[in-house]
């Protein structure tokens, strides 16, 4: 396991080597990426990367939560669509 040495800013190897330094993200998800994630249009790997980013980035986590709230409201207001007979 590799962790960051917060006193030196360098990686060091070893189990239980100490706390991992949290480096704030410098890049943020754009609106299209957030919308694709919430709608299920992202491939699983990209969705996982975005979820990990949102764990470290409060700004993106808030925006993702906003998109999820809007999607939930839209889903509530959408008319019911009957399933096909062979579904």
Protein backbone atom coordinates (compact mmCIF):
# COMPACT_ATOMS: atom_id res chain seq x y z
CA UNK A 1 0.00 0.00 0.00
CA UNK A 2 1.30 3.46 -0.83
CA UNK A 3 0.37 6.47 1.27
CA UNK A 4 1.40 10.08 1.15
CA UNK A 5 3.73 11.41 3.79
CA UNK A 6 2.00 14.70 4.72
CA UNK A 7 5.20 16.10 6.18
CA UNK A 8 7.20 15.59 3.00
CA UNK A 9 4.59 15.51 0.23
CA UNK A 10 6.07 12.25 -1.03
CA UNK A 11 4.70 8.76 -1.36
CA UNK A 12 5.95 6.06 0.97
CA UNK A 13 5.19 2.35 0.89
CA UNK A 14 4.09 0.00 3.62
CA UNK A 15 1.08 -1.25 5.48
CA UNK A 16 -0.13 1.14 8.12
CA UNK A 17 2.39 3.72 6.98
CA UNK A 18 0.31 6.52 8.45
CA UNK A 19 -2.52 8.81 7.40
CA UNK A 20 -3.15 9.52 3.76
CA UNK A 21 -2.84 13.20 2.94
CA UNK A 22 -5.95 14.58 1.28
CA UNK A 23 -5.16 16.70 -1.73
CA UNK A 24 -8.10 18.86 -2.79
CA UNK A 25 -9.17 18.28 -6.40
CA UNK A 26 -8.15 20.96 -8.87
CA UNK A 27 -10.60 19.97 -11.58
CA UNK A 28 -14.34 19.64 -11.30
CA UNK A 29 -17.02 17.73 -13.15
CA UNK A 30 -18.90 19.73 -15.77
CA UNK A 31 -22.68 19.85 -16.05
CA UNK A 32 -22.83 17.33 -18.90
CA UNK A 33 -20.85 14.75 -16.92
CA UNK A 34 -23.03 15.21 -13.84
CA UNK A 35 -26.22 14.93 -15.88
CA UNK A 36 -24.95 11.80 -17.65
CA UNK A 37 -24.06 10.24 -14.31
CA UNK A 38 -27.47 10.88 -12.78
CA UNK A 39 -29.30 9.67 -15.90
CA UNK A 40 -27.27 6.46 -16.01
CA UNK A 41 -25.61 7.34 -19.31
CA UNK A 42 -22.04 7.04 -17.98
CA UNK A 43 -20.21 3.76 -18.27
CA UNK A 44 -19.59 2.13 -14.86
CA UNK A 45 -15.89 3.04 -14.75
CA UNK A 46 -16.55 6.73 -15.39
CA UNK A 47 -19.36 6.73 -12.82
CA UNK A 48 -17.00 5.20 -10.27
CA UNK A 49 -14.34 7.84 -10.96
CA UNK A 50 -16.92 10.59 -10.54
CA UNK A 51 -18.22 9.04 -7.29
CA UNK A 52 -14.67 8.88 -5.92
CA UNK A 53 -14.05 12.48 -6.94
CA UNK A 54 -17.29 13.58 -5.24
CA UNK A 55 -16.12 11.91 -2.02
CA UNK A 56 -13.14 14.29 -1.96
CA UNK A 57 -14.73 17.37 -3.51
CA UNK A 58 -17.53 19.04 -1.56
CA UNK A 59 -18.39 21.34 -4.49
CA UNK A 60 -18.96 18.44 -6.90
CA UNK A 61 -20.77 16.42 -4.23
CA UNK A 62 -23.24 19.31 -3.74
CA UNK A 63 -23.76 19.72 -7.49
CA UNK A 64 -24.24 15.97 -7.94
CA UNK A 65 -26.83 15.98 -5.13
CA UNK A 66 -28.62 18.87 -6.86
CA UNK A 67 -28.78 16.94 -10.13
CA UNK A 68 -30.06 13.87 -8.28
CA UNK A 69 -32.79 15.95 -6.60
CA UNK A 70 -33.91 17.41 -9.94
CA UNK A 71 -33.93 13.94 -11.53
CA UNK A 72 -36.07 12.64 -8.67
CA UNK A 73 -38.56 15.49 -9.08
CA UNK A 74 -38.76 14.89 -12.84
CA UNK A 75 -39.30 11.17 -12.29
CA UNK A 76 -42.16 11.86 -9.87
CA UNK A 77 -43.89 14.12 -12.38
CA UNK A 78 -43.40 11.82 -15.38
CA UNK A 79 -46.45 9.95 -16.59
CA UNK A 80 -46.52 6.22 -15.98
CA UNK A 81 -45.57 4.15 -18.99
CA UNK A 82 -47.05 0.66 -19.19
CA UNK A 83 -44.61 -2.20 -19.69
CA UNK A 84 -44.69 -4.25 -22.83
CA UNK A 85 -46.39 -7.61 -22.52
CA UNK A 86 -43.11 -9.48 -22.96
CA UNK A 87 -41.20 -7.41 -20.40
